[in-house]
């Protein structure tokens, strides 16, 4: 759980590595964008086979979609 003294970067890292979705829709969107950018940079730097890129990209998208679906249920209950 973030504290008022945490920096925005610390909150983003906590939200990104957490098993569940971020506390708010905006923070989850920030996690999705930064995760996508980070994955693209890593895959571009490593230049793996196309099949690996497809599998890794699919895994990232599925993970973020599941987090978003779970979060939508949680965010709507507040």
PDB file of N, CA and C in Angstrom:
ATOM      1  N   UNK A   1       0.841  -1.176   0.000  1.00  0.00           N
ATOM      2  CA  UNK A   1       0.000   0.000   0.000  1.00  0.00           C
ATOM      3  C   UNK A   1       0.889   1.243   0.000  1.00  0.00           C
ATOM      4  N   UNK A   2       0.678   2.151  -0.955  1.00  0.00           N
ATOM      5  CA  UNK A   2       1.494   3.359  -1.007  1.00  0.00           C
ATOM      6  C   UNK A   2       1.244   4.263   0.198  1.00  0.00           C
ATOM      7  N   UNK A   3       2.280   4.951   0.584  1.00  0.00           N
ATOM      8  CA  UNK A   3       2.160   5.927   1.656  1.00  0.00           C
ATOM      9  C   UNK A   3       2.249   7.319   1.046  1.00  0.00           C
ATOM     10  N   UNK A   4       1.797   8.342   1.760  1.00  0.00           N
ATOM     11  CA  UNK A   4       1.843   9.708   1.214  1.00  0.00           C
ATOM     12  C   UNK A   4       3.261  10.190   0.909  1.00  0.00           C
ATOM     13  N   UNK A   5       4.266   9.587   1.525  1.00  0.00           N
ATOM     14  CA  UNK A   5       5.639  10.029   1.318  1.00  0.00           C
ATOM     15  C   UNK A   5       6.318   9.350   0.135  1.00  0.00           C
ATOM     16  N   UNK A   6       5.659   8.382  -0.490  1.00  0.00           N
ATOM     17  CA  UNK A   6       6.255   7.705  -1.636  1.00  0.00           C
ATOM     18  C   UNK A   6       6.325   8.643  -2.835  1.00  0.00           C
ATOM     19  N   UNK A   7       7.390   8.496  -3.618  1.00  0.00           N
ATOM     20  CA  UNK A   7       7.523   9.276  -4.841  1.00  0.00           C
ATOM     21  C   UNK A   7       6.637   8.661  -5.924  1.00  0.00           C
ATOM     22  N   UNK A   8       6.282   9.426  -6.943  1.00  0.00           N
ATOM     23  CA  UNK A   8       5.485   8.850  -8.032  1.00  0.00           C
ATOM     24  C   UNK A   8       6.165   7.652  -8.696  1.00  0.00           C
ATOM     25  N   UNK A   9       7.479   7.709  -8.839  1.00  0.00           N
ATOM     26  CA  UNK A   9       8.202   6.576  -9.442  1.00  0.00           C
ATOM     27  C   UNK A   9       8.107   5.337  -8.561  1.00  0.00           C
ATOM     28  N   UNK A  10       8.189   5.519  -7.264  1.00  0.00           N
ATOM     29  CA  UNK A  10       8.069   4.386  -6.346  1.00  0.00           C
ATOM     30  C   UNK A  10       6.671   3.791  -6.415  1.00  0.00           C
ATOM     31  N   UNK A  11       5.657   4.640  -6.502  1.00  0.00           N
ATOM     32  CA  UNK A  11       4.282   4.149  -6.635  1.00  0.00           C
ATOM     33  C   UNK A  11       4.099   3.372  -7.938  1.00  0.00           C
ATOM     34  N   UNK A  12       4.697   3.854  -9.027  1.00  0.00           N
ATOM     35  CA  UNK A  12       4.588   3.180 -10.313  1.00  0.00           C
ATOM     36  C   UNK A  12       5.236   1.800 -10.252  1.00  0.00           C
ATOM     37  N   UNK A  13       6.396   1.719  -9.638  1.00  0.00           N
ATOM     38  CA  UNK A  13       7.080   0.426  -9.517  1.00  0.00           C
ATOM     39  C   UNK A  13       6.259  -0.526  -8.658  1.00  0.00           C
ATOM     40  N   UNK A  14       5.720  -0.044  -7.550  1.00  0.00           N
ATOM     41  CA  UNK A  14       4.886  -0.889  -6.693  1.00  0.00           C
ATOM     42  C   UNK A  14       3.657  -1.384  -7.438  1.00  0.00           C
ATOM     43  N   UNK A  15       3.026  -0.506  -8.217  1.00  0.00           N
ATOM     44  CA  UNK A  15       1.846  -0.892  -8.981  1.00  0.00           C
ATOM     45  C   UNK A  15       2.204  -1.909 -10.065  1.00  0.00           C
ATOM     46  N   UNK A  16       3.363  -1.736 -10.685  1.00  0.00           N
ATOM     47  CA  UNK A  16       3.758  -2.614 -11.791  1.00  0.00           C
ATOM     48  C   UNK A  16       4.117  -4.015 -11.312  1.00  0.00           C
ATOM     49  N   UNK A  17       4.758  -4.125 -10.155  1.00  0.00           N
ATOM     50  CA  UNK A  17       5.178  -5.450  -9.700  1.00  0.00           C
ATOM     51  C   UNK A  17       4.140  -6.134  -8.835  1.00  0.00           C
ATOM     52  N   UNK A  18       3.076  -5.423  -8.493  1.00  0.00           N
ATOM     53  CA  UNK A  18       2.015  -6.031  -7.694  1.00  0.00           C
ATOM     54  C   UNK A  18       1.274  -7.101  -8.479  1.00  0.00           C
ATOM     55  N   UNK A  19       0.751  -8.090  -7.775  1.00  0.00           N
ATOM     56  CA  UNK A  19       0.004  -9.151  -8.452  1.00  0.00           C
ATOM     57  C   UNK A  19      -1.337  -8.670  -8.957  1.00  0.00           C
ATOM     58  N   UNK A  20      -1.963  -7.778  -8.229  1.00  0.00           N
ATOM     59  CA  UNK A  20      -3.265  -7.269  -8.637  1.00  0.00           C
ATOM     60  C   UNK A  20      -3.139  -5.937  -9.348  1.00  0.00           C
ATOM     61  N   UNK A  21      -4.283  -5.393  -9.743  1.00  0.00           N
ATOM     62  CA  UNK A  21      -4.264  -4.101 -10.439  1.00  0.00           C
ATOM     63  C   UNK A  21      -3.952  -2.944  -9.494  1.00  0.00           C
ATOM     64  N   UNK A  22      -3.600  -1.822 -10.096  1.00  0.00           N
ATOM     65  CA  UNK A  22      -3.334  -0.604  -9.328  1.00  0.00           C
ATOM     66  C   UNK A  22      -4.634  -0.104  -8.700  1.00  0.00           C
ATOM     67  N   UNK A  23      -4.536   0.743  -7.674  1.00  0.00           N
ATOM     68  CA  UNK A  23      -5.743   1.217  -6.982  1.00  0.00           C
ATOM     69  C   UNK A  23      -6.691   2.061  -7.839  1.00  0.00           C
ATOM     70  N   UNK A  24      -6.182   2.723  -8.854  1.00  0.00           N
ATOM     71  CA  UNK A  24      -7.042   3.561  -9.698  1.00  0.00           C
ATOM     72  C   UNK A  24      -6.830   3.221 -11.166  1.00  0.00           C
ATOM     73  N   UNK A  25      -7.820   3.590 -11.971  1.00  0.00           N
ATOM     74  CA  UNK A  25      -7.766   3.330 -13.414  1.00  0.00           C
ATOM     75  C   UNK A  25      -6.580   4.074 -14.055  1.00  0.00           C
ATOM     76  N   UNK A  26      -6.334   5.300 -13.640  1.00  0.00           N
ATOM     77  CA  UNK A  26      -5.246   6.093 -14.222  1.00  0.00           C
ATOM     78  C   UNK A  26      -3.885   5.473 -13.906  1.00  0.00           C
ATOM     79  N   UNK A  27      -3.728   4.998 -12.694  1.00  0.00           N
ATOM     80  CA  UNK A  27      -2.449   4.376 -12.334  1.00  0.00           C
ATOM     81  C   UNK A  27      -2.246   3.065 -13.076  1.00  0.00           C
ATOM     82  N   UNK A  28      -3.307   2.313 -13.302  1.00  0.00           N
ATOM     83  CA  UNK A  28      -3.190   1.070 -14.065  1.00  0.00           C
ATOM     84  C   UNK A  28      -2.865   1.383 -15.526  1.00  0.00           C
ATOM     85  N   UNK A  29      -3.433   2.451 -16.055  1.00  0.00           N
ATOM     86  CA  UNK A  29      -3.117   2.859 -17.426  1.00  0.00           C
ATOM     87  C   UNK A  29      -1.642   3.251 -17.531  1.00  0.00           C
ATOM     88  N   UNK A  30      -1.124   3.940 -16.522  1.00  0.00           N
ATOM     89  CA  UNK A  30       0.295   4.302 -16.513  1.00  0.00           C
ATOM     90  C   UNK A  30       1.169   3.053 -16.463  1.00  0.00           C
ATOM     91  N   UNK A  31       0.749   2.062 -15.687  1.00  0.00           N
ATOM     92  CA  UNK A  31       1.492   0.796 -15.624  1.00  0.00           C
ATOM     93  C   UNK A  31       1.477   0.118 -16.992  1.00  0.00           C
ATOM     94  N   UNK A  32       0.338   0.111 -17.654  1.00  0.00           N
ATOM     95  CA  UNK A  32       0.225  -0.535 -18.964  1.00  0.00           C
ATOM     96  C   UNK A  32       1.121   0.145 -19.998  1.00  0.00           C
ATOM     97  N   UNK A  33       1.115   1.465 -19.998  1.00  0.00           N
ATOM     98  CA  UNK A  33       1.937   2.204 -20.964  1.00  0.00           C
ATOM     99  C   UNK A  33       3.423   1.971 -20.701  1.00  0.00           C
ATOM    100  N   UNK A  34       3.853   2.100 -19.461  1.00  0.00           N
ATOM    101  CA  UNK A  34       5.279   1.922 -19.168  1.00  0.00           C
ATOM    102  C   UNK A  34       5.724   0.477 -19.383  1.00  0.00           C
ATOM    103  N   UNK A  35       4.858  -0.483 -19.093  1.00  0.00           N
ATOM    104  CA  UNK A  35       5.200  -1.880 -19.340  1.00  0.00           C
ATOM    105  C   UNK A  35       5.347  -2.134 -20.830  1.00  0.00           C
ATOM    106  N   UNK A  36       4.442  -1.582 -21.625  1.00  0.00           N
ATOM    107  CA  UNK A  36       4.536  -1.732 -23.075  1.00  0.00           C
ATOM    108  C   UNK A  36       5.800  -1.110 -23.640  1.00  0.00           C
ATOM    109  N   UNK A  37       6.127   0.082 -23.176  1.00  0.00           N
ATOM    110  CA  UNK A  37       7.341   0.757 -23.649  1.00  0.00           C
ATOM    111  C   UNK A  37       8.582  -0.028 -23.221  1.00  0.00           C
ATOM    112  N   UNK A  38       8.614  -0.468 -21.982  1.00  0.00           N
ATOM    113  CA  UNK A  38       9.757  -1.241 -21.501  1.00  0.00           C
ATOM    114  C   UNK A  38       9.920  -2.546 -22.273  1.00  0.00           C
ATOM    115  N   UNK A  39       8.818  -3.243 -22.532  1.00  0.00           N
ATOM    116  CA  UNK A  39       8.888  -4.487 -23.296  1.00  0.00           C
ATOM    117  C   UNK A  39       9.393  -4.224 -24.713  1.00  0.00           C
ATOM    118  N   UNK A  40       8.919  -3.155 -25.334  1.00  0.00           N
ATOM    119  CA  UNK A  40       9.363  -2.819 -26.687  1.00  0.00           C
ATOM    120  C   UNK A  40      10.855  -2.499 -26.721  1.00  0.00           C
ATOM    121  N   UNK A  41      11.331  -1.752 -25.737  1.00  0.00           N
ATOM    122  CA  UNK A  41      12.753  -1.402 -25.689  1.00  0.00           C
ATOM    123  C   UNK A  41      13.611  -2.654 -25.487  1.00  0.00           C
ATOM    124  N   UNK A  42      13.203  -3.524 -24.573  1.00  0.00           N
ATOM    125  CA  UNK A  42      13.979  -4.741 -24.320  1.00  0.00           C
ATOM    126  C   UNK A  42      13.991  -5.643 -25.554  1.00  0.00           C
ATOM    127  N   UNK A  43      12.825  -5.822 -26.170  1.00  0.00           N
ATOM    128  CA  UNK A  43      12.780  -6.676 -27.362  1.00  0.00           C
ATOM    129  C   UNK A  43      13.555  -6.066 -28.531  1.00  0.00           C
ATOM    130  N   UNK A  44      13.531  -4.762 -28.662  1.00  0.00           N
ATOM    131  CA  UNK A  44      14.303  -4.112 -29.728  1.00  0.00           C
ATOM    132  C   UNK A  44      15.800  -4.230 -29.474  1.00  0.00           C
ATOM    133  N   UNK A  45      16.202  -4.140 -28.218  1.00  0.00           N
ATOM    134  CA  UNK A  45      17.625  -4.226 -27.893  1.00  0.00           C
ATOM    135  C   UNK A  45      18.157  -5.656 -28.060  1.00  0.00           C
ATOM    136  N   UNK A  46      17.352  -6.627 -27.667  1.00  0.00           N
ATOM    137  CA  UNK A  46      17.807  -8.024 -27.747  1.00  0.00           C
ATOM    138  C   UNK A  46      17.645  -8.627 -29.138  1.00  0.00           C
ATOM    139  N   UNK A  47      16.705  -8.150 -29.918  1.00  0.00           N
ATOM    140  CA  UNK A  47      16.396  -8.630 -31.261  1.00  0.00           C
ATOM    141  C   UNK A  47      16.287 -10.153 -31.320  1.00  0.00           C
ATOM    142  N   UNK A  48      15.360 -10.719 -30.534  1.00  0.00           N
ATOM    143  CA  UNK A  48      15.180 -12.168 -30.579  1.00  0.00           C
ATOM    144  C   UNK A  48      14.395 -12.585 -31.835  1.00  0.00           C
ATOM    145  N   UNK A  49      14.173 -13.883 -31.962  1.00  0.00           N
ATOM    146  CA  UNK A  49      13.416 -14.408 -33.103  1.00  0.00           C
ATOM    147  C   UNK A  49      11.985 -13.871 -33.083  1.00  0.00           C
ATOM    148  N   UNK A  50      11.377 -13.826 -34.261  1.00  0.00           N
ATOM    149  CA  UNK A  50      10.030 -13.277 -34.395  1.00  0.00           C
ATOM    150  C   UNK A  50       9.035 -14.074 -33.555  1.00  0.00           C
ATOM    151  N   UNK A  51       9.187 -15.384 -33.497  1.00  0.00           N
ATOM    152  CA  UNK A  51       8.280 -16.213 -32.709  1.00  0.00           C
ATOM    153  C   UNK A  51       8.363 -15.842 -31.226  1.00  0.00           C
ATOM    154  N   UNK A  52       9.563 -15.621 -30.724  1.00  0.00           N
ATOM    155  CA  UNK A  52       9.722 -15.218 -29.325  1.00  0.00           C
ATOM    156  C   UNK A  52       9.071 -13.864 -29.075  1.00  0.00           C
ATOM    157  N   UNK A  53       9.239 -12.939 -29.992  1.00  0.00           N
ATOM    158  CA  UNK A  53       8.618 -11.615 -29.852  1.00  0.00           C
ATOM    159  C   UNK A  53       7.103 -11.756 -29.794  1.00  0.00           C
ATOM    160  N   UNK A  54       6.541 -12.601 -30.652  1.00  0.00           N
ATOM    161  CA  UNK A  54       5.090 -12.798 -30.671  1.00  0.00           C
ATOM    162  C   UNK A  54       4.609 -13.409 -29.366  1.00  0.00           C
ATOM    163  N   UNK A  55       5.316 -14.405 -28.858  1.00  0.00           N
ATOM    164  CA  UNK A  55       4.917 -15.055 -27.606  1.00  0.00           C
ATOM    165  C   UNK A  55       5.050 -14.092 -26.429  1.00  0.00           C
ATOM    166  N   UNK A  56       6.156 -13.368 -26.359  1.00  0.00           N
ATOM    167  CA  UNK A  56       6.376 -12.431 -25.254  1.00  0.00           C
ATOM    168  C   UNK A  56       5.356 -11.293 -25.288  1.00  0.00           C
ATOM    169  N   UNK A  57       5.077 -10.769 -26.461  1.00  0.00           N
ATOM    170  CA  UNK A  57       4.103  -9.680 -26.584  1.00  0.00           C
ATOM    171  C   UNK A  57       2.710 -10.148 -26.189  1.00  0.00           C
ATOM    172  N   UNK A  58       2.352 -11.356 -26.607  1.00  0.00           N
ATOM    173  CA  UNK A  58       1.051 -11.911 -26.236  1.00  0.00           C
ATOM    174  C   UNK A  58       0.943 -12.091 -24.732  1.00  0.00           C
ATOM    175  N   UNK A  59       2.014 -12.576 -24.106  1.00  0.00           N
ATOM    176  CA  UNK A  59       2.000 -12.776 -22.651  1.00  0.00           C
ATOM    177  C   UNK A  59       1.814 -11.450 -21.918  1.00  0.00           C
ATOM    178  N   UNK A  60       2.499 -10.415 -22.377  1.00  0.00           N
ATOM    179  CA  UNK A  60       2.376  -9.102 -21.744  1.00  0.00           C
ATOM    180  C   UNK A  60       0.958  -8.561 -21.904  1.00  0.00           C
ATOM    181  N   UNK A  61       0.411  -8.668 -23.101  1.00  0.00           N
ATOM    182  CA  UNK A  61      -0.937  -8.153 -23.355  1.00  0.00           C
ATOM    183  C   UNK A  61      -1.977  -8.912 -22.526  1.00  0.00           C
ATOM    184  N   UNK A  62      -1.858 -10.233 -22.456  1.00  0.00           N
ATOM    185  CA  UNK A  62      -2.810 -11.026 -21.676  1.00  0.00           C
ATOM    186  C   UNK A  62      -2.718 -10.656 -20.200  1.00  0.00           C
ATOM    187  N   UNK A  63      -1.506 -10.518 -19.692  1.00  0.00           N
ATOM    188  CA  UNK A  63      -1.321 -10.139 -18.286  1.00  0.00           C
ATOM    189  C   UNK A  63      -1.964  -8.785 -17.998  1.00  0.00           C
ATOM    190  N   UNK A  64      -1.723  -7.805 -18.849  1.00  0.00           N
ATOM    191  CA  UNK A  64      -2.297  -6.472 -18.635  1.00  0.00           C
ATOM    192  C   UNK A  64      -3.817  -6.485 -18.794  1.00  0.00           C
ATOM    193  N   UNK A  65      -4.322  -7.299 -19.713  1.00  0.00           N
ATOM    194  CA  UNK A  65      -5.780  -7.383 -19.897  1.00  0.00           C
ATOM    195  C   UNK A  65      -6.448  -7.990 -18.663  1.00  0.00           C
ATOM    196  N   UNK A  66      -5.847  -9.020 -18.110  1.00  0.00           N
ATOM    197  CA  UNK A  66      -6.407  -9.635 -16.903  1.00  0.00           C
ATOM    198  C   UNK A  66      -6.383  -8.648 -15.748  1.00  0.00           C
ATOM    199  N   UNK A  67      -5.276  -7.931 -15.587  1.00  0.00           N
ATOM    200  CA  UNK A  67      -5.191  -6.916 -14.526  1.00  0.00           C
ATOM    201  C   UNK A  67      -6.269  -5.855 -14.717  1.00  0.00           C
ATOM    202  N   UNK A  68      -6.487  -5.426 -15.965  1.00  0.00           N
ATOM    203  CA  UNK A  68      -7.482  -4.392 -16.251  1.00  0.00           C
ATOM    204  C   UNK A  68      -8.892  -4.898 -15.937  1.00  0.00           C
ATOM    205  N   UNK A  69      -9.192  -6.137 -16.310  1.00  0.00           N
ATOM    206  CA  UNK A  69     -10.521  -6.702 -16.054  1.00  0.00           C
ATOM    207  C   UNK A  69     -10.780  -6.799 -14.555  1.00  0.00           C
ATOM    208  N   UNK A  70      -9.807  -7.289 -13.832  1.00  0.00           N
ATOM    209  CA  UNK A  70      -9.951  -7.379 -12.370  1.00  0.00           C
ATOM    210  C   UNK A  70     -10.091  -5.984 -11.771  1.00  0.00           C
ATOM    211  N   UNK A  71      -9.295  -5.061 -12.246  1.00  0.00           N
ATOM    212  CA  UNK A  71      -9.352  -3.689 -11.745  1.00  0.00           C
ATOM    213  C   UNK A  71     -10.678  -3.014 -12.032  1.00  0.00           C
ATOM    214  N   UNK A  72     -11.252  -3.273 -13.209  1.00  0.00           N
ATOM    215  CA  UNK A  72     -12.533  -2.670 -13.559  1.00  0.00           C
ATOM    216  C   UNK A  72     -13.609  -3.060 -12.558  1.00  0.00           C
ATOM    217  N   UNK A  73     -13.584  -4.297 -12.133  1.00  0.00           N
ATOM    218  CA  UNK A  73     -14.553  -4.739 -11.122  1.00  0.00           C
ATOM    219  C   UNK A  73     -14.296  -4.032  -9.792  1.00  0.00           C
ATOM    220  N   UNK A  74     -13.018  -3.880  -9.437  1.00  0.00           N
ATOM    221  CA  UNK A  74     -12.654  -3.241  -8.160  1.00  0.00           C
ATOM    222  C   UNK A  74     -12.922  -1.735  -8.203  1.00  0.00           C
ATOM    223  N   UNK A  75     -12.556  -1.084  -9.312  1.00  0.00           N
ATOM    224  CA  UNK A  75     -12.736   0.361  -9.405  1.00  0.00           C
ATOM    225  C   UNK A  75     -14.205   0.732  -9.439  1.00  0.00           C
ATOM    226  N   UNK A  76     -15.054  -0.112 -10.009  1.00  0.00           N
ATOM    227  CA  UNK A  76     -16.478   0.174 -10.101  1.00  0.00           C
ATOM    228  C   UNK A  76     -17.203   0.050  -8.775  1.00  0.00           C
ATOM    229  N   UNK A  77     -16.589  -0.643  -7.811  1.00  0.00           N
ATOM    230  CA  UNK A  77     -17.260  -0.859  -6.533  1.00  0.00           C
ATOM    231  C   UNK A  77     -17.033   0.275  -5.550  1.00  0.00           C
ATOM    232  N   UNK A  78     -16.245   1.259  -5.921  1.00  0.00           N
ATOM    233  CA  UNK A  78     -15.953   2.366  -5.002  1.00  0.00           C
ATOM    234  C   UNK A  78     -16.908   3.497  -5.197  1.00  0.00           C
TER     235      UNK A  78
END
